Amino acid sequence: MLKLKWRLNLHQRKTRLSNFVNQVLISGVVSRDPQTRKTPAGIPITRFTLAHESAQKEAGLARQVELKIVVIVTGKDLQIQLTGVTTGSSITVKGFLNKSVFRGQDVKLVIHAESITKE
């Protein structure tokens, strides 16, 4: 009975969480060359850092925004969109946020790319 109840709660939680939106659209300059590796299954995964600077309005006031964030590109189809992207390239990334623990570092937010457009 406890096992069934736990499974129901897990299903309810997944259903409830699936209603949230997690979508990012950000442009910037590649500040670190893309580095590609392959998973044991042969799937290419590329990581690079995107630097973003902009002016945003918050509470009616101008706010300067500067940040760097890691972008993760998974799969052969998206690798094609990275052709010619190097340090200094201006790009726009569409994707979603996720947490990442990379080689003992603290938990960070990263963007998992769904599309990349060169500007």
N, C-alpha and C. Protein backbone atom coordinates (compact mmCIF):
# COMPACT_ATOMS: atom_id res chain seq x y z
N MET A 1 0.82 -1.20 0.00
CA MET A 1 0.00 0.00 0.00
C MET A 1 0.86 1.27 0.00
N LEU A 2 1.92 1.25 0.82
CA LEU A 2 2.81 2.40 0.88
C LEU A 2 3.50 2.63 -0.47
N LYS A 3 3.91 1.54 -1.13
CA LYS A 3 4.58 1.65 -2.42
C LYS A 3 3.63 2.27 -3.47
N LEU A 4 2.40 1.83 -3.50
CA LEU A 4 1.42 2.37 -4.44
C LEU A 4 1.16 3.84 -4.15
N LYS A 5 1.05 4.18 -2.88
CA LYS A 5 0.80 5.57 -2.50
C LYS A 5 1.98 6.45 -2.93
N TRP A 6 3.22 5.97 -2.72
CA TRP A 6 4.40 6.72 -3.11
C TRP A 6 4.42 6.94 -4.63
N ARG A 7 4.06 5.89 -5.38
CA ARG A 7 4.03 6.03 -6.85
C ARG A 7 2.98 7.04 -7.28
N LEU A 8 1.82 7.04 -6.63
CA LEU A 8 0.79 8.02 -6.95
C LEU A 8 1.29 9.43 -6.67
N ASN A 9 1.92 9.63 -5.52
CA ASN A 9 2.44 10.95 -5.19
C ASN A 9 3.49 11.40 -6.19
N LEU A 10 4.36 10.50 -6.61
CA LEU A 10 5.37 10.82 -7.61
C LEU A 10 4.71 11.21 -8.92
N HIS A 11 3.69 10.46 -9.34
CA HIS A 11 2.97 10.78 -10.58
C HIS A 11 2.28 12.14 -10.46
N GLN A 12 1.65 12.41 -9.33
CA GLN A 12 0.98 13.70 -9.13
C GLN A 12 1.99 14.84 -9.17
N ARG A 13 3.16 14.62 -8.54
CA ARG A 13 4.18 15.65 -8.53
C ARG A 13 4.70 15.92 -9.94
N LYS A 14 4.97 14.87 -10.71
CA LYS A 14 5.44 15.05 -12.09
C LYS A 14 4.40 15.77 -12.93
N THR A 15 3.14 15.43 -12.77
CA THR A 15 2.07 16.08 -13.52
C THR A 15 1.99 17.55 -13.16
N ARG A 16 2.10 17.86 -11.88
CA ARG A 16 2.02 19.23 -11.42
C ARG A 16 3.23 20.03 -11.93
N LEU A 17 4.42 19.45 -11.89
CA LEU A 17 5.62 20.15 -12.33
C LEU A 17 5.65 20.35 -13.83
N SER A 18 5.00 19.50 -14.59
CA SER A 18 5.02 19.63 -16.05
C SER A 18 4.25 20.85 -16.53
N ASN A 19 3.51 21.51 -15.65
CA ASN A 19 2.76 22.70 -16.03
C ASN A 19 3.60 23.97 -15.99
N PHE A 20 4.80 23.92 -15.45
CA PHE A 20 5.66 25.09 -15.35
C PHE A 20 6.40 25.32 -16.66
N VAL A 21 6.75 26.57 -16.91
CA VAL A 21 7.46 26.95 -18.13
C VAL A 21 8.93 27.18 -17.79
N ASN A 22 9.83 26.67 -18.60
CA ASN A 22 11.26 26.87 -18.44
C ASN A 22 11.83 27.11 -19.82
N GLN A 23 11.91 28.37 -20.21
CA GLN A 23 12.38 28.71 -21.55
C GLN A 23 13.25 29.96 -21.47
N VAL A 24 14.38 29.94 -22.15
CA VAL A 24 15.33 31.05 -22.13
C VAL A 24 15.65 31.45 -23.56
N LEU A 25 15.71 32.75 -23.80
CA LEU A 25 16.18 33.29 -25.07
C LEU A 25 17.17 34.39 -24.71
N ILE A 26 18.43 34.19 -25.06
CA ILE A 26 19.47 35.15 -24.67
C ILE A 26 20.49 35.27 -25.79
N SER A 27 20.99 36.48 -25.97
CA SER A 27 22.04 36.69 -26.97
C SER A 27 23.28 37.18 -26.25
N GLY A 28 24.40 36.98 -26.89
CA GLY A 28 25.66 37.41 -26.30
C GLY A 28 26.83 37.02 -27.18
N VAL A 29 28.00 37.05 -26.56
CA VAL A 29 29.24 36.74 -27.26
C VAL A 29 29.88 35.52 -26.60
N VAL A 30 30.33 34.59 -27.43
CA VAL A 30 31.01 33.41 -26.91
C VAL A 30 32.33 33.87 -26.30
N SER A 31 32.50 33.60 -24.99
CA SER A 31 33.70 34.08 -24.32
C SER A 31 34.72 32.97 -24.07
N ARG A 32 34.35 31.75 -24.37
CA ARG A 32 35.29 30.62 -24.27
C ARG A 32 34.98 29.65 -25.39
N ASP A 33 36.00 29.23 -26.13
CA ASP A 33 35.80 28.33 -27.27
C ASP A 33 34.98 27.10 -26.88
N PRO A 34 34.08 26.69 -27.76
CA PRO A 34 33.32 25.46 -27.50
C PRO A 34 34.25 24.25 -27.39
N GLN A 35 33.98 23.42 -26.38
CA GLN A 35 34.74 22.18 -26.18
C GLN A 35 33.77 21.01 -26.28
N THR A 36 34.09 20.05 -27.15
CA THR A 36 33.19 18.93 -27.41
C THR A 36 33.79 17.64 -26.88
N ARG A 37 32.92 16.83 -26.31
CA ARG A 37 33.28 15.47 -25.90
C ARG A 37 32.12 14.57 -26.33
N LYS A 38 32.30 13.27 -26.20
CA LYS A 38 31.23 12.33 -26.54
C LYS A 38 30.89 11.49 -25.33
N THR A 39 29.60 11.19 -25.19
CA THR A 39 29.15 10.30 -24.13
C THR A 39 29.57 8.88 -24.51
N PRO A 40 29.50 7.93 -23.57
CA PRO A 40 29.80 6.54 -23.91
C PRO A 40 28.92 6.01 -25.05
N ALA A 41 27.74 6.60 -25.22
CA ALA A 41 26.85 6.19 -26.30
C ALA A 41 27.19 6.87 -27.62
N GLY A 42 28.21 7.75 -27.62
CA GLY A 42 28.62 8.41 -28.86
C GLY A 42 27.91 9.71 -29.15
N ILE A 43 27.13 10.23 -28.20
CA ILE A 43 26.39 11.48 -28.41
C ILE A 43 27.32 12.66 -28.12
N PRO A 44 27.48 13.60 -29.07
CA PRO A 44 28.36 14.74 -28.83
C PRO A 44 27.72 15.75 -27.87
N ILE A 45 28.54 16.24 -26.94
CA ILE A 45 28.10 17.28 -26.00
C ILE A 45 29.14 18.39 -26.04
N THR A 46 28.68 19.59 -26.35
CA THR A 46 29.58 20.74 -26.42
C THR A 46 29.22 21.74 -25.33
N ARG A 47 30.23 22.29 -24.68
CA ARG A 47 30.05 23.31 -23.64
C ARG A 47 30.83 24.55 -24.05
N PHE A 48 30.23 25.72 -23.82
CA PHE A 48 30.96 26.97 -23.99
C PHE A 48 30.32 28.01 -23.07
N THR A 49 31.02 29.11 -22.89
CA THR A 49 30.53 30.18 -22.03
C THR A 49 30.04 31.33 -22.89
N LEU A 50 28.85 31.83 -22.55
CA LEU A 50 28.24 32.96 -23.25
C LEU A 50 28.26 34.17 -22.33
N ALA A 51 28.80 35.29 -22.82
CA ALA A 51 28.82 36.55 -22.06
C ALA A 51 27.70 37.43 -22.60
N HIS A 52 26.90 37.99 -21.69
CA HIS A 52 25.75 38.82 -22.08
C HIS A 52 25.84 40.16 -21.37
N GLU A 53 25.60 41.24 -22.10
CA GLU A 53 25.51 42.59 -21.54
C GLU A 53 24.30 43.27 -22.15
N SER A 54 23.48 43.89 -21.30
CA SER A 54 22.33 44.62 -21.81
C SER A 54 21.85 45.62 -20.76
N ALA A 55 20.94 46.49 -21.18
CA ALA A 55 20.27 47.41 -20.26
C ALA A 55 18.82 46.96 -20.18
N GLN A 56 18.33 46.73 -18.99
CA GLN A 56 16.95 46.29 -18.77
C GLN A 56 16.24 47.31 -17.90
N LYS A 57 14.92 47.31 -17.97
CA LYS A 57 14.14 48.20 -17.12
C LYS A 57 13.58 47.41 -15.96
N GLU A 58 13.79 47.92 -14.75
CA GLU A 58 13.27 47.27 -13.55
C GLU A 58 12.69 48.36 -12.66
N ALA A 59 11.42 48.21 -12.32
CA ALA A 59 10.72 49.20 -11.48
C ALA A 59 10.85 50.60 -12.07
N GLY A 60 10.83 50.69 -13.40
CA GLY A 60 10.89 51.97 -14.08
C GLY A 60 12.28 52.57 -14.18
N LEU A 61 13.29 51.86 -13.70
CA LEU A 61 14.66 52.36 -13.74
C LEU A 61 15.52 51.49 -14.63
N ALA A 62 16.52 52.13 -15.24
CA ALA A 62 17.46 51.38 -16.09
C ALA A 62 18.39 50.57 -15.20
N ARG A 63 18.64 49.34 -15.59
CA ARG A 63 19.55 48.47 -14.85
C ARG A 63 20.52 47.83 -15.84
N GLN A 64 21.80 47.93 -15.55
CA GLN A 64 22.82 47.32 -16.39
C GLN A 64 22.94 45.85 -16.01
N VAL A 65 22.86 44.96 -17.00
CA VAL A 65 22.95 43.52 -16.76
C VAL A 65 24.20 42.99 -17.42
N GLU A 66 25.01 42.29 -16.65
CA GLU A 66 26.21 41.64 -17.17
C GLU A 66 26.28 40.26 -16.54
N LEU A 67 26.43 39.22 -17.37
CA LEU A 67 26.52 37.87 -16.83
C LEU A 67 27.26 36.97 -17.80
N LYS A 68 27.75 35.87 -17.25
CA LYS A 68 28.32 34.79 -18.05
C LYS A 68 27.61 33.52 -17.62
N ILE A 69 27.27 32.69 -18.61
CA ILE A 69 26.58 31.44 -18.32
C ILE A 69 27.08 30.35 -19.27
N VAL A 70 27.15 29.14 -18.76
CA VAL A 70 27.58 28.01 -19.57
C VAL A 70 26.40 27.53 -20.42
N VAL A 71 26.67 27.24 -21.67
CA VAL A 71 25.67 26.70 -22.59
C VAL A 71 26.10 25.28 -22.93
N ILE A 72 25.14 24.35 -22.87
CA ILE A 72 25.40 22.96 -23.21
C ILE A 72 24.60 22.60 -24.45
N VAL A 73 25.29 22.06 -25.44
CA VAL A 73 24.68 21.69 -26.72
C VAL A 73 24.82 20.18 -26.88
N THR A 74 23.69 19.48 -26.95
CA THR A 74 23.71 18.02 -27.01
C THR A 74 23.10 17.53 -28.32
N GLY A 75 23.77 16.58 -28.96
CA GLY A 75 23.24 15.96 -30.16
C GLY A 75 23.87 16.45 -31.45
N LYS A 76 23.82 15.59 -32.46
CA LYS A 76 24.45 15.88 -33.74
C LYS A 76 23.77 17.03 -34.48
N ASP A 77 22.43 17.12 -34.39
CA ASP A 77 21.72 18.15 -35.13
C ASP A 77 22.13 19.55 -34.69
N LEU A 78 22.25 19.76 -33.39
CA LEU A 78 22.65 21.08 -32.89
C LEU A 78 24.12 21.37 -33.14
N GLN A 79 24.95 20.33 -33.24
CA GLN A 79 26.38 20.54 -33.51
C GLN A 79 26.58 21.27 -34.82
N ILE A 80 25.70 21.01 -35.78
CA ILE A 80 25.78 21.67 -37.09
C ILE A 80 25.60 23.18 -36.93
N GLN A 81 24.70 23.59 -36.01
CA GLN A 81 24.46 25.02 -35.78
C GLN A 81 25.67 25.71 -35.16
N LEU A 82 26.58 24.93 -34.58
CA LEU A 82 27.79 25.49 -33.96
C LEU A 82 28.95 25.68 -34.93
N THR A 83 28.79 25.23 -36.17
CA THR A 83 29.87 25.34 -37.16
C THR A 83 30.30 26.80 -37.29
N GLY A 84 31.58 27.04 -37.08
CA GLY A 84 32.12 28.39 -37.22
C GLY A 84 32.00 29.25 -35.96
N VAL A 85 31.39 28.73 -34.91
CA VAL A 85 31.25 29.49 -33.67
C VAL A 85 32.53 29.34 -32.85
N THR A 86 33.18 30.47 -32.56
CA THR A 86 34.41 30.48 -31.77
C THR A 86 34.33 31.65 -30.79
N THR A 87 35.38 31.81 -30.01
CA THR A 87 35.44 32.95 -29.09
C THR A 87 35.24 34.24 -29.88
N GLY A 88 34.34 35.09 -29.40
CA GLY A 88 34.05 36.36 -30.07
C GLY A 88 32.83 36.32 -30.97
N SER A 89 32.30 35.13 -31.27
CA SER A 89 31.11 35.01 -32.12
C SER A 89 29.88 35.54 -31.38
N SER A 90 29.06 36.32 -32.07
CA SER A 90 27.79 36.79 -31.52
C SER A 90 26.70 35.80 -31.89
N ILE A 91 25.98 35.30 -30.89
CA ILE A 91 24.95 34.29 -31.14
C ILE A 91 23.73 34.55 -30.25
N THR A 92 22.63 33.91 -30.62
CA THR A 92 21.42 33.87 -29.79
C THR A 92 21.13 32.42 -29.49
N VAL A 93 20.87 32.14 -28.23
CA VAL A 93 20.60 30.77 -27.79
C VAL A 93 19.18 30.70 -27.26
N LYS A 94 18.45 29.70 -27.72
CA LYS A 94 17.12 29.40 -27.17
C LYS A 94 17.25 28.04 -26.50
N GLY A 95 16.72 27.94 -25.29
CA GLY A 95 16.82 26.67 -24.58
C GLY A 95 16.11 26.71 -23.24
N PHE A 96 16.61 25.89 -22.32
CA PHE A 96 16.00 25.84 -20.98
C PHE A 96 17.10 25.78 -19.93
N LEU A 97 16.77 26.20 -18.72
CA LEU A 97 17.71 26.20 -17.61
C LEU A 97 17.69 24.88 -16.88
N ASN A 98 18.86 24.48 -16.39
CA ASN A 98 18.97 23.30 -15.55
C ASN A 98 20.15 23.53 -14.61
N LYS A 99 20.21 22.74 -13.55
CA LYS A 99 21.36 22.84 -12.65
C LYS A 99 22.47 21.95 -13.19
N SER A 100 23.69 22.31 -12.82
CA SER A 100 24.83 21.51 -13.25
C SER A 100 25.85 21.46 -12.13
N VAL A 101 26.33 20.28 -11.87
CA VAL A 101 27.46 20.11 -10.95
C VAL A 101 28.57 19.55 -11.83
N PHE A 102 29.59 20.35 -12.05
CA PHE A 102 30.65 19.97 -12.99
C PHE A 102 31.98 19.86 -12.26
N ARG A 103 32.49 18.67 -12.18
CA ARG A 103 33.80 18.40 -11.59
C ARG A 103 34.01 19.05 -10.23
N GLY A 104 33.08 18.81 -9.33
CA GLY A 104 33.25 19.25 -7.95
C GLY A 104 32.93 20.71 -7.69
N GLN A 105 32.50 21.46 -8.71
CA GLN A 105 32.14 22.86 -8.49
C GLN A 105 30.80 22.95 -7.78
N ASP A 106 30.48 24.13 -7.28
CA ASP A 106 29.17 24.35 -6.69
C ASP A 106 28.09 24.21 -7.76
N VAL A 107 26.85 24.01 -7.33
CA VAL A 107 25.74 23.90 -8.27
C VAL A 107 25.56 25.25 -8.96
N LYS A 108 25.45 25.21 -10.28
CA LYS A 108 25.25 26.41 -11.10
C LYS A 108 24.07 26.18 -12.03
N LEU A 109 23.52 27.26 -12.53
CA LEU A 109 22.54 27.15 -13.59
C LEU A 109 23.27 27.17 -14.93
N VAL A 110 22.81 26.33 -15.83
CA VAL A 110 23.33 26.29 -17.20
C VAL A 110 22.15 26.32 -18.15
N ILE A 111 22.43 26.68 -19.39
CA ILE A 111 21.41 26.65 -20.44
C ILE A 111 21.65 25.43 -21.30
N HIS A 112 20.62 24.61 -21.48
CA HIS A 112 20.67 23.51 -22.45
C HIS A 112 20.04 24.05 -23.73
N ALA A 113 20.86 24.17 -24.76
CA ALA A 113 20.41 24.79 -26.01
C ALA A 113 19.45 23.89 -26.78
N GLU A 114 18.44 24.52 -27.35
CA GLU A 114 17.52 23.86 -28.28
C GLU A 114 17.72 24.40 -29.69
N SER A 115 18.22 25.64 -29.78
CA SER A 115 18.60 26.19 -31.08
C SER A 115 19.63 27.29 -30.87
N ILE A 116 20.47 27.49 -31.88
CA ILE A 116 21.52 28.50 -31.83
C ILE A 116 21.50 29.24 -33.16
N THR A 117 21.49 30.57 -33.09
CA THR A 117 21.49 31.40 -34.29
C THR A 117 22.70 32.33 -34.25
N LYS A 118 23.47 32.32 -35.33
CA LYS A 118 24.60 33.24 -35.43
C LYS A 118 24.09 34.59 -35.88
N GLU A 119 24.64 35.66 -35.31
CA GLU A 119 24.20 37.02 -35.68
C GLU A 119 25.18 37.67 -36.63
